[in-house]
Amino acid sequence: MSCFDLSVSTLFLLLPIFLYMIKTNHDIYEVILVILLFINVIISYLFWYTGTEHSILHIYDGIFAKISYLCFSIYIFFIKKIESKLKFISFLLLFISSILFYYSNQYSKQKWCSQKHVIFHSMFHFVVSIGTSIAFLKPISS
């Protein structure tokens, strides 16, 4: 396994973008979120393609990932009208993704792009793609 594998796992984030595209009604928040997510996919793919630690792309990847994490969480938990069980699932996915990121970070400190670092970060990408997809599901009727 190598850092390049993380450029591939970044493509999991295309799933929520696809869900956005097949949905017919978009509010302004979703438009902003999908633009932010698209920026994330591009920067993350380019960064992990070479995987150069502490590069400018690494810095931008971290900044945009944190902004997206915060914006998606605020939207899902406080703005989007979805069922309580979906909010609970979102909370679980947020919690799981935080744990996966923690372990990814710990293993990357031991050895950058080690097998465990790549595995945990790939799982992080997968879980985050499911979590962000919730933002683009049909809202409950008012």
C-alpha atoms as a PDB file:
ATOM      1  CA  MET A   1       0.000   0.000   0.000  1.00  0.00           C
ATOM      2  CA  SER A   2       1.138   3.535  -0.689  1.00  0.00           C
ATOM      3  CA  CYS A   3      -0.049   7.110  -0.436  1.00  0.00           C
ATOM      4  CA  PHE A   4      -1.300   6.788  -3.999  1.00  0.00           C
ATOM      5  CA  ASP A   5      -3.953   4.374  -2.677  1.00  0.00           C
ATOM      6  CA  LEU A   6      -5.366   7.301  -0.688  1.00  0.00           C
ATOM      7  CA  SER A   7      -5.839   9.280  -3.903  1.00  0.00           C
ATOM      8  CA  VAL A   8      -8.054   6.417  -5.037  1.00  0.00           C
ATOM      9  CA  SER A   9      -9.974   6.240  -1.731  1.00  0.00           C
ATOM     10  CA  THR A  10     -10.559   9.994  -1.994  1.00  0.00           C
ATOM     11  CA  LEU A  11     -12.791   9.182  -4.949  1.00  0.00           C
ATOM     12  CA  PHE A  12     -15.336   7.709  -2.489  1.00  0.00           C
ATOM     13  CA  LEU A  13     -16.266  11.377  -1.975  1.00  0.00           C
ATOM     14  CA  LEU A  14     -17.722  11.400  -5.469  1.00  0.00           C
ATOM     15  CA  LEU A  15     -20.674   9.377  -4.113  1.00  0.00           C
ATOM     16  CA  PRO A  16     -22.278  12.330  -2.289  1.00  0.00           C
ATOM     17  CA  ILE A  17     -21.615  14.536  -5.329  1.00  0.00           C
ATOM     18  CA  PHE A  18     -23.435  11.966  -7.478  1.00  0.00           C
ATOM     19  CA  LEU A  19     -26.365  11.960  -5.004  1.00  0.00           C
ATOM     20  CA  TYR A  20     -26.465  15.748  -5.218  1.00  0.00           C
ATOM     21  CA  MET A  21     -26.567  15.616  -9.017  1.00  0.00           C
ATOM     22  CA  ILE A  22     -29.483  13.159  -9.210  1.00  0.00           C
ATOM     23  CA  LYS A  23     -31.514  15.148  -6.666  1.00  0.00           C
ATOM     24  CA  THR A  24     -33.804  17.732  -8.253  1.00  0.00           C
ATOM     25  CA  ASN A  25     -34.308  20.321  -5.500  1.00  0.00           C
ATOM     26  CA  HIS A  26     -31.241  21.960  -3.976  1.00  0.00           C
ATOM     27  CA  ASP A  27     -31.139  24.638  -1.333  1.00  0.00           C
ATOM     28  CA  ILE A  28     -28.309  27.176  -1.213  1.00  0.00           C
ATOM     29  CA  TYR A  29     -26.623  25.268   1.618  1.00  0.00           C
ATOM     30  CA  GLU A  30     -26.384  22.124  -0.497  1.00  0.00           C
ATOM     31  CA  VAL A  31     -24.951  24.096  -3.414  1.00  0.00           C
ATOM     32  CA  ILE A  32     -22.237  25.488  -1.132  1.00  0.00           C
ATOM     33  CA  LEU A  33     -21.565  22.052   0.378  1.00  0.00           C
ATOM     34  CA  VAL A  34     -21.205  20.325  -2.984  1.00  0.00           C
ATOM     35  CA  ILE A  35     -18.814  23.034  -4.217  1.00  0.00           C
ATOM     36  CA  LEU A  36     -16.781  22.634  -1.037  1.00  0.00           C
ATOM     37  CA  LEU A  37     -16.807  18.850  -1.430  1.00  0.00           C
ATOM     38  CA  PHE A  38     -15.723  19.110  -5.063  1.00  0.00           C
ATOM     39  CA  ILE A  39     -12.783  21.331  -4.009  1.00  0.00           C
ATOM     40  CA  ASN A  40     -11.935  18.720  -1.356  1.00  0.00           C
ATOM     41  CA  VAL A  41     -11.911  15.894  -3.880  1.00  0.00           C
ATOM     42  CA  ILE A  42      -9.605  17.777  -6.240  1.00  0.00           C
ATOM     43  CA  ILE A  43      -7.141  18.918  -3.575  1.00  0.00           C
ATOM     44  CA  SER A  44      -7.159  15.600  -1.747  1.00  0.00           C
ATOM     45  CA  TYR A  45      -6.665  13.603  -4.951  1.00  0.00           C
ATOM     46  CA  LEU A  46      -3.763  15.799  -6.026  1.00  0.00           C
ATOM     47  CA  PHE A  47      -2.203  15.694  -2.579  1.00  0.00           C
ATOM     48  CA  TRP A  48      -2.440  11.927  -2.104  1.00  0.00           C
ATOM     49  CA  TYR A  49      -1.307  11.286  -5.695  1.00  0.00           C
ATOM     50  CA  THR A  50       2.231  12.069  -4.517  1.00  0.00           C
ATOM     51  CA  GLY A  51       1.552  12.060  -0.760  1.00  0.00           C
ATOM     52  CA  THR A  52       4.231  14.610   0.023  1.00  0.00           C
ATOM     53  CA  GLU A  53       3.992  15.272   3.745  1.00  0.00           C
ATOM     54  CA  HIS A  54       3.923  18.963   4.813  1.00  0.00           C
ATOM     55  CA  SER A  55       3.548  20.157   1.210  1.00  0.00           C
ATOM     56  CA  ILE A  56       1.304  23.100   0.334  1.00  0.00           C
ATOM     57  CA  LEU A  57      -1.312  20.628  -0.932  1.00  0.00           C
ATOM     58  CA  HIS A  58      -1.124  18.796   2.411  1.00  0.00           C
ATOM     59  CA  ILE A  59      -1.844  22.078   4.194  1.00  0.00           C
ATOM     60  CA  TYR A  60      -4.749  22.976   1.886  1.00  0.00           C
ATOM     61  CA  ASP A  61      -6.128  19.439   2.106  1.00  0.00           C
ATOM     62  CA  GLY A  62      -6.203  19.693   5.886  1.00  0.00           C
ATOM     63  CA  ILE A  63      -7.778  23.159   5.890  1.00  0.00           C
ATOM     64  CA  PHE A  64     -10.539  22.324   3.408  1.00  0.00           C
ATOM     65  CA  ALA A  65     -11.230  18.953   5.042  1.00  0.00           C
ATOM     66  CA  LYS A  66     -11.747  20.628   8.433  1.00  0.00           C
ATOM     67  CA  ILE A  67     -13.962  23.357   6.946  1.00  0.00           C
ATOM     68  CA  SER A  68     -16.060  20.722   5.166  1.00  0.00           C
ATOM     69  CA  TYR A  69     -16.290  18.534   8.264  1.00  0.00           C
ATOM     70  CA  LEU A  70     -17.611  21.505  10.234  1.00  0.00           C
ATOM     71  CA  CYS A  71     -19.986  22.775   7.523  1.00  0.00           C
ATOM     72  CA  PHE A  72     -21.501  19.359   6.803  1.00  0.00           C
ATOM     73  CA  SER A  73     -21.968  18.715  10.533  1.00  0.00           C
ATOM     74  CA  ILE A  74     -23.699  22.061  11.096  1.00  0.00           C
ATOM     75  CA  TYR A  75     -25.944  21.534   8.082  1.00  0.00           C
ATOM     76  CA  ILE A  76     -26.935  17.974   8.952  1.00  0.00           C
ATOM     77  CA  PHE A  77     -27.442  18.550  12.682  1.00  0.00           C
ATOM     78  CA  PHE A  78     -28.936  22.044  12.752  1.00  0.00           C
ATOM     79  CA  ILE A  79     -30.329  23.029   9.340  1.00  0.00           C
ATOM     80  CA  LYS A  80     -31.401  19.989   7.311  1.00  0.00           C
ATOM     81  CA  LYS A  81     -34.800  18.593   8.176  1.00  0.00           C
ATOM     82  CA  ILE A  82     -34.214  14.868   8.423  1.00  0.00           C
ATOM     83  CA  GLU A  83     -35.537  12.147  10.678  1.00  0.00           C
ATOM     84  CA  SER A  84     -34.025  11.773  14.130  1.00  0.00           C
ATOM     85  CA  LYS A  85     -32.673   8.341  13.304  1.00  0.00           C
ATOM     86  CA  LEU A  86     -30.703   9.796  10.365  1.00  0.00           C
ATOM     87  CA  LYS A  87     -29.276  12.457  12.661  1.00  0.00           C
ATOM     88  CA  PHE A  88     -28.279   9.693  15.066  1.00  0.00           C
ATOM     89  CA  ILE A  89     -26.655   7.739  12.225  1.00  0.00           C
ATOM     90  CA  SER A  90     -24.854  10.950  11.214  1.00  0.00           C
ATOM     91  CA  PHE A  91     -23.595  11.330  14.764  1.00  0.00           C
ATOM     92  CA  LEU A  92     -22.322   7.731  14.767  1.00  0.00           C
ATOM     93  CA  LEU A  93     -20.583   8.245  11.425  1.00  0.00           C
ATOM     94  CA  LEU A  94     -19.016  11.467  12.696  1.00  0.00           C
ATOM     95  CA  PHE A  95     -17.805   9.648  15.803  1.00  0.00           C
ATOM     96  CA  ILE A  96     -16.450   6.692  13.811  1.00  0.00           C
ATOM     97  CA  SER A  97     -14.726   8.985  11.306  1.00  0.00           C
ATOM     98  CA  SER A  98     -13.089  10.885  14.182  1.00  0.00           C
ATOM     99  CA  ILE A  99     -11.710   7.634  15.592  1.00  0.00           C
ATOM    100  CA  LEU A 100     -10.472   6.524  12.167  1.00  0.00           C
ATOM    101  CA  PHE A 101      -8.803   9.880  11.611  1.00  0.00           C
ATOM    102  CA  TYR A 102      -7.193   9.721  15.067  1.00  0.00           C
ATOM    103  CA  TYR A 103      -5.629   6.326  14.296  1.00  0.00           C
ATOM    104  CA  SER A 104      -4.634   7.425  10.806  1.00  0.00           C
ATOM    105  CA  ASN A 105      -2.880  10.406  12.338  1.00  0.00           C
ATOM    106  CA  GLN A 106      -1.166   8.282  15.002  1.00  0.00           C
ATOM    107  CA  TYR A 107       0.165   5.804  12.439  1.00  0.00           C
ATOM    108  CA  SER A 108       1.243   8.595  10.076  1.00  0.00           C
ATOM    109  CA  LYS A 109       3.366  10.056  12.898  1.00  0.00           C
ATOM    110  CA  GLN A 110       5.095   6.698  13.309  1.00  0.00           C
ATOM    111  CA  LYS A 111       5.671   6.189   9.580  1.00  0.00           C
ATOM    112  CA  TRP A 112       4.200   8.352   6.851  1.00  0.00           C
ATOM    113  CA  CYS A 113       2.103   6.283   4.421  1.00  0.00           C
ATOM    114  CA  SER A 114       2.614   3.080   6.368  1.00  0.00           C
ATOM    115  CA  GLN A 115       0.143   0.291   5.695  1.00  0.00           C
ATOM    116  CA  LYS A 116      -1.849   1.076   8.868  1.00  0.00           C
ATOM    117  CA  HIS A 117      -1.889   4.801   8.067  1.00  0.00           C
ATOM    118  CA  VAL A 118      -3.226   4.122   4.573  1.00  0.00           C
ATOM    119  CA  ILE A 119      -5.806   1.584   5.773  1.00  0.00           C
ATOM    120  CA  PHE A 120      -7.209   3.820   8.524  1.00  0.00           C
ATOM    121  CA  HIS A 121      -7.251   6.884   6.291  1.00  0.00           C
ATOM    122  CA  SER A 122      -8.942   4.943   3.475  1.00  0.00           C
ATOM    123  CA  MET A 123     -11.615   3.790   5.909  1.00  0.00           C
ATOM    124  CA  PHE A 124     -11.928   7.417   7.033  1.00  0.00           C
ATOM    125  CA  HIS A 125     -12.567   8.474   3.416  1.00  0.00           C
ATOM    126  CA  PHE A 126     -15.204   5.760   3.047  1.00  0.00           C
ATOM    127  CA  VAL A 127     -17.067   6.626   6.264  1.00  0.00           C
ATOM    128  CA  VAL A 128     -16.936  10.361   5.534  1.00  0.00           C
ATOM    129  CA  SER A 129     -18.372   9.758   2.062  1.00  0.00           C
ATOM    130  CA  ILE A 130     -21.365   7.965   3.609  1.00  0.00           C
ATOM    131  CA  GLY A 131     -21.768  10.670   6.247  1.00  0.00           C
ATOM    132  CA  THR A 132     -21.653  13.549   3.792  1.00  0.00           C
ATOM    133  CA  SER A 133     -24.159  11.760   1.560  1.00  0.00           C
ATOM    134  CA  ILE A 134     -26.800  12.278   4.256  1.00  0.00           C
ATOM    135  CA  ALA A 135     -26.702  16.004   3.505  1.00  0.00           C
ATOM    136  CA  PHE A 136     -28.125  15.311   0.044  1.00  0.00           C
ATOM    137  CA  LEU A 137     -30.936  12.943   0.994  1.00  0.00           C
ATOM    138  CA  LYS A 138     -34.520  14.057   0.594  1.00  0.00           C
ATOM    139  CA  PRO A 139     -35.655  16.123   3.604  1.00  0.00           C
ATOM    140  CA  ILE A 140     -38.717  15.138   5.615  1.00  0.00           C
ATOM    141  CA  SER A 141     -41.911  16.882   4.585  1.00  0.00           C
ATOM    142  CA  SER A 142     -42.935  19.885   6.641  1.00  0.00           C
END
